[in-house]
Amino acid sequence: MISNIDELVKRGSDTAKGGFRNEDDVVNKFNNWKSDLDAQDWLRIMEYKLDEIEKIEAVKITGSHKADVQVKIKIFLKDVIAAENISIKLVSNPQGFNQVDKRWVSKYEELWAIPKNIVNTLKLFTGEIPPIYKNTKDSRRMFFNEMNSKTQKDVVEFFEQNKIMVISDILKGRDKMAASWMLIYQKPTNLWTLLPISVVMNFFANGDVKITNLGSLKIGRVTMQRKGGDGGRDTAKMLQFKINPCEIVQ
């Protein structure tokens, strides 16, 4: 599997001709595809023949969707308009992590039909429920490695059994704006990589589900954490999932 990913990464990577700062720049590149060399390369990776394209309309997607940009492509002499939804990851630090999903535990409970005992465990982890033991590392919450062995086992087993669904929901999504591609742009090196979302999902799902030495949960190459920050507001108690997008292109 890894060799296939390496092959796809090599084929889908290049140095940005003009560079870009944000999603708006990607939209503009697609809308100016006739003269923009990056956009032309992206379309080829998506397996479009440039001489068959009649019209392209790209728009920025707003709201809580996994895709950031939608590209509508009209082919000559065809009535069907293809739509490609792209998740964009702009990376300033190759060692940094990128939040891919955050919600209240109750929202994940609805989404994944999480059993009540696991819901309570996750709320202990985020601090929605205060610690049940004294002398925890953080008086506001509990880390997984501070919980008893059965509780730890239950959490690991739930995410092992539901790993594919979890990875799909946090990276691809399941609504009409579900991502079909991920575009990773490394600002320090001016390198972009465009990959099918299925390849990205397979890569980040690869690996065990385990509790880390720091007491968070690792799901393959995805880290699940308490959100934290937010100046101590309640939103710090949300659950978040993070990846390092550069891992797949290194």
Protein backbone atom coordinates (compact mmCIF):
# COMPACT_ATOMS: atom_id res chain seq x y z
CA MET A 1 0.00 0.00 0.00
CA ILE A 2 2.78 2.45 0.92
CA SER A 3 4.59 1.95 -2.41
CA ASN A 4 1.36 2.80 -4.26
CA ILE A 5 0.99 5.96 -2.19
CA ASP A 6 4.61 6.92 -2.91
CA GLU A 7 3.92 6.47 -6.61
CA LEU A 8 0.77 8.60 -6.48
CA VAL A 9 2.48 11.30 -4.43
CA LYS A 10 5.32 11.51 -6.92
CA ARG A 11 2.90 11.72 -9.84
CA GLY A 12 0.66 14.25 -8.08
CA SER A 13 3.29 16.67 -6.76
CA ASP A 14 5.02 19.68 -8.28
CA THR A 15 6.41 23.10 -7.46
CA ALA A 16 3.72 25.79 -7.57
CA LYS A 17 4.31 28.09 -10.52
CA GLY A 18 2.81 31.17 -8.89
CA GLY A 19 2.31 30.03 -5.33
CA PHE A 20 -0.93 30.59 -3.41
CA ARG A 21 -1.92 31.85 0.00
CA ASN A 22 -5.43 30.55 0.56
CA GLU A 23 -8.54 28.91 -0.88
CA ASP A 24 -9.42 32.04 -2.86
CA ASP A 25 -6.18 31.71 -4.80
CA VAL A 26 -7.03 28.09 -5.68
CA VAL A 27 -10.46 29.21 -6.90
CA ASN A 28 -8.85 31.87 -9.07
CA LYS A 29 -6.37 29.39 -10.49
CA PHE A 30 -9.13 27.03 -11.60
CA ASN A 31 -11.19 29.88 -13.03
CA ASN A 32 -8.13 30.95 -15.02
CA TRP A 33 -7.22 27.41 -16.00
CA LYS A 34 -6.49 28.28 -19.63
CA SER A 35 -3.42 30.26 -18.57
CA ASP A 36 -2.65 28.82 -15.13
CA LEU A 37 -0.15 25.95 -15.30
CA ASP A 38 -0.90 24.67 -11.78
CA ALA A 39 -4.63 24.37 -12.55
CA GLN A 40 -3.82 22.57 -15.79
CA ASP A 41 -1.69 20.07 -13.89
CA TRP A 42 -4.49 19.53 -11.33
CA LEU A 43 -7.01 18.88 -14.09
CA ARG A 44 -4.71 16.33 -15.70
CA ILE A 45 -4.29 14.54 -12.35
CA MET A 46 -8.10 14.42 -12.18
CA GLU A 47 -7.89 12.74 -15.61
CA TYR A 48 -9.46 15.50 -17.67
CA LYS A 49 -8.22 16.23 -21.17
CA LEU A 50 -7.67 19.96 -21.45
CA ASP A 51 -8.73 20.15 -25.10
CA GLU A 52 -12.11 18.62 -24.20
CA ILE A 53 -12.97 21.18 -21.49
CA GLU A 54 -15.53 23.77 -22.53
CA LYS A 55 -15.94 25.69 -19.27
CA ILE A 56 -14.84 25.65 -15.63
CA GLU A 57 -16.48 27.37 -12.70
CA ALA A 58 -14.78 27.13 -9.31
CA VAL A 59 -16.29 28.44 -6.06
CA LYS A 60 -15.23 28.55 -2.43
CA ILE A 61 -17.38 26.39 -0.17
CA THR A 62 -18.56 27.93 3.08
CA GLY A 63 -19.93 26.21 6.16
CA SER A 64 -18.86 23.06 7.98
CA HIS A 65 -18.00 20.86 5.02
CA LYS A 66 -14.87 18.82 4.35
CA ALA A 67 -14.37 20.34 0.91
CA ASP A 68 -13.12 23.93 0.68
CA VAL A 69 -13.44 24.42 -3.08
CA GLN A 70 -15.83 22.98 -5.67
CA VAL A 71 -14.81 22.90 -9.33
CA LYS A 72 -17.55 22.41 -11.93
CA ILE A 73 -16.26 21.19 -15.28
CA LYS A 74 -18.24 21.26 -18.53
CA ILE A 75 -17.02 19.04 -21.34
CA PHE A 76 -17.61 19.89 -25.02
CA LEU A 77 -20.69 18.21 -26.55
CA LYS A 78 -21.73 16.69 -23.21
CA ASP A 79 -24.70 17.72 -21.10
CA VAL A 80 -23.21 16.46 -17.85
CA ILE A 81 -21.22 18.84 -15.64
CA ALA A 82 -18.69 17.11 -13.40
CA ALA A 83 -18.11 18.47 -9.90
CA GLU A 84 -14.83 17.96 -8.05
CA ASN A 85 -14.77 18.81 -4.33
CA ILE A 86 -11.33 19.63 -2.96
CA SER A 87 -10.14 19.77 0.64
CA ILE A 88 -7.22 22.22 0.88
CA LYS A 89 -4.49 21.96 3.50
CA LEU A 90 -2.10 24.91 3.67
CA VAL A 91 1.00 23.95 5.64
CA SER A 92 3.40 26.54 7.07
CA ASN A 93 5.33 24.11 9.26
CA PRO A 94 6.09 20.61 7.93
CA GLN A 95 6.13 19.31 11.51
CA GLY A 96 2.83 20.98 12.42
CA PHE A 97 -0.60 19.46 12.82
CA ASN A 98 -3.80 20.44 11.07
CA GLN A 99 -7.20 20.15 12.73
CA VAL A 100 -9.52 18.17 10.45
CA ASP A 101 -12.60 17.91 12.66
CA LYS A 102 -13.93 19.24 15.98
CA ARG A 103 -17.31 18.77 17.62
CA TRP A 104 -18.95 18.27 20.96
CA VAL A 105 -18.87 14.66 22.14
CA SER A 106 -22.68 14.53 21.86
CA LYS A 107 -22.43 15.27 18.12
CA TYR A 108 -20.03 12.36 17.63
CA GLU A 109 -22.37 10.24 19.76
CA GLU A 110 -25.14 10.89 17.22
CA LEU A 111 -22.88 10.48 14.21
CA TRP A 112 -21.24 7.21 15.25
CA ALA A 113 -23.84 5.72 17.62
CA ILE A 114 -21.29 5.73 20.45
CA PRO A 115 -22.35 3.66 23.48
CA LYS A 116 -23.08 5.61 26.66
CA ASN A 117 -20.09 4.25 28.58
CA ILE A 118 -17.73 5.46 25.81
CA VAL A 119 -19.55 8.83 25.67
CA ASN A 120 -18.93 9.30 29.41
CA THR A 121 -15.27 8.36 28.95
CA LEU A 122 -14.84 10.88 26.14
CA LYS A 123 -16.49 13.57 28.27
CA LEU A 124 -14.08 12.79 31.11
CA PHE A 125 -11.28 13.16 28.58
CA THR A 126 -12.50 16.56 27.34
CA GLY A 127 -13.56 17.87 30.75
CA GLU A 128 -17.31 18.02 30.15
CA ILE A 129 -17.42 15.65 33.13
CA PRO A 130 -14.94 16.55 35.92
CA PRO A 131 -12.29 13.97 36.96
CA ILE A 132 -13.54 11.06 39.04
CA TYR A 133 -10.11 10.56 40.66
CA LYS A 134 -7.97 12.95 42.68
CA ASN A 135 -4.50 14.15 41.71
CA THR A 136 -4.97 13.97 37.96
CA LYS A 137 -2.39 15.73 35.74
CA ASP A 138 -5.02 18.33 34.87
CA SER A 139 -7.63 19.25 37.46
CA ARG A 140 -10.14 20.00 34.68
CA ARG A 141 -10.13 16.63 32.91
CA MET A 142 -8.66 13.12 32.73
CA PHE A 143 -6.24 11.62 30.24
CA PHE A 144 -6.98 8.13 28.94
CA ASN A 145 -3.91 6.67 30.66
CA GLU A 146 -5.28 7.90 34.01
CA MET A 147 -8.39 5.75 33.58
CA ASN A 148 -8.71 2.09 34.56
CA SER A 149 -7.61 -0.65 32.16
CA LYS A 150 -11.15 -1.73 31.21
CA THR A 151 -12.12 1.84 30.30
CA GLN A 152 -9.00 2.19 28.18
CA LYS A 153 -9.70 -1.15 26.48
CA ASP A 154 -13.31 -0.17 25.71
CA VAL A 155 -12.24 3.10 24.06
CA VAL A 156 -9.56 1.42 21.96
CA GLU A 157 -11.92 -1.36 20.86
CA PHE A 158 -14.67 1.08 19.84
CA PHE A 159 -12.35 3.09 17.61
CA GLU A 160 -10.73 -0.08 16.23
CA GLN A 161 -14.13 -1.44 15.21
CA ASN A 162 -15.22 1.88 13.71
CA LYS A 163 -11.90 3.14 12.35
CA ILE A 164 -12.93 3.33 8.67
CA MET A 165 -16.14 5.22 9.44
CA VAL A 166 -14.32 7.65 11.74
CA ILE A 167 -11.51 8.34 9.24
CA SER A 168 -14.02 8.79 6.42
CA ASP A 169 -16.17 11.24 8.38
CA ILE A 170 -13.30 13.42 9.60
CA LEU A 171 -11.44 13.57 6.26
CA LYS A 172 -14.02 13.05 3.53
CA GLY A 173 -17.42 13.81 5.09
CA ARG A 174 -20.73 12.33 4.07
CA ASP A 175 -22.78 15.26 2.73
CA LYS A 176 -23.07 16.57 -0.84
CA MET A 177 -19.87 18.57 -0.29
CA ALA A 178 -17.86 15.51 0.70
CA ALA A 179 -14.25 15.87 -0.43
CA SER A 180 -13.09 13.83 -3.41
CA TRP A 181 -9.54 15.26 -3.43
CA MET A 182 -7.04 16.73 -1.00
CA LEU A 183 -4.66 19.49 -2.13
CA ILE A 184 -1.71 19.93 0.23
CA TYR A 185 0.39 23.05 -0.23
CA GLN A 186 3.66 23.33 1.69
CA LYS A 187 4.45 27.02 1.88
CA PRO A 188 8.12 26.70 2.95
CA THR A 189 8.99 24.60 -0.12
CA ASN A 190 6.30 25.98 -2.48
CA LEU A 191 5.31 22.38 -3.24
CA TRP A 192 1.76 21.23 -3.90
CA THR A 193 0.43 17.67 -3.88
CA LEU A 194 -3.02 16.65 -5.14
CA LEU A 195 -4.30 13.22 -4.12
CA PRO A 196 -7.61 11.33 -4.29
CA ILE A 197 -9.28 11.42 -0.89
CA SER A 198 -9.42 7.60 -0.86
CA VAL A 199 -5.61 7.49 -0.96
CA VAL A 200 -5.40 10.06 1.85
CA MET A 201 -7.87 8.09 3.95
CA ASN A 202 -5.99 4.82 3.46
CA PHE A 203 -2.72 6.47 4.45
CA PHE A 204 -3.99 8.09 7.64
CA ALA A 205 -5.98 5.01 8.66
CA ASN A 206 -2.83 2.89 8.46
CA GLY A 207 -1.64 1.89 11.93
CA ASP A 208 -2.99 0.72 15.26
CA VAL A 209 -5.51 2.37 17.53
CA LYS A 210 -3.68 3.03 20.79
CA ILE A 211 -3.44 5.31 23.79
CA THR A 212 -0.31 7.44 23.56
CA ASN A 213 2.26 8.06 26.29
CA LEU A 214 0.71 11.52 26.73
CA GLY A 215 -2.73 10.00 27.31
CA SER A 216 -4.46 10.91 24.04
CA LEU A 217 -5.70 8.46 21.40
CA LYS A 218 -3.97 7.62 18.14
CA ILE A 219 -6.17 6.21 15.37
CA GLY A 220 -3.71 5.10 12.73
CA ARG A 221 -1.92 8.37 11.90
CA VAL A 222 -4.76 10.54 13.29
CA THR A 223 -4.53 12.06 16.77
CA MET A 224 -7.66 12.55 18.87
CA GLN A 225 -7.35 15.26 21.53
CA ARG A 226 -9.26 17.62 23.76
CA LYS A 227 -9.51 20.89 21.82
CA GLY A 228 -8.20 23.10 24.63
CA GLY A 229 -7.31 26.77 24.28
CA ASP A 230 -10.15 29.24 23.59
CA GLY A 231 -9.25 31.32 26.64
CA GLY A 232 -10.84 28.79 28.95
CA ARG A 233 -14.27 29.01 27.30
CA ASP A 234 -16.51 25.95 27.21
CA THR A 235 -15.55 25.26 23.59
CA ALA A 236 -12.16 24.11 24.92
CA LYS A 237 -14.03 20.95 26.01
CA MET A 238 -14.77 19.90 22.43
CA LEU A 239 -13.14 16.82 20.91
CA GLN A 240 -10.82 17.34 17.95
CA PHE A 241 -8.99 15.20 15.39
CA LYS A 242 -5.65 16.26 13.91
CA ILE A 243 -3.29 15.10 11.19
CA ASN A 244 0.04 16.24 9.85
CA PRO A 245 -0.70 16.55 6.09
CA CYS A 246 3.03 16.54 5.32
CA GLU A 247 3.38 12.94 6.52
CA ILE A 248 1.86 11.69 3.29
CA VAL A 249 4.22 13.70 1.07
CA GLN A 250 7.48 13.08 2.94
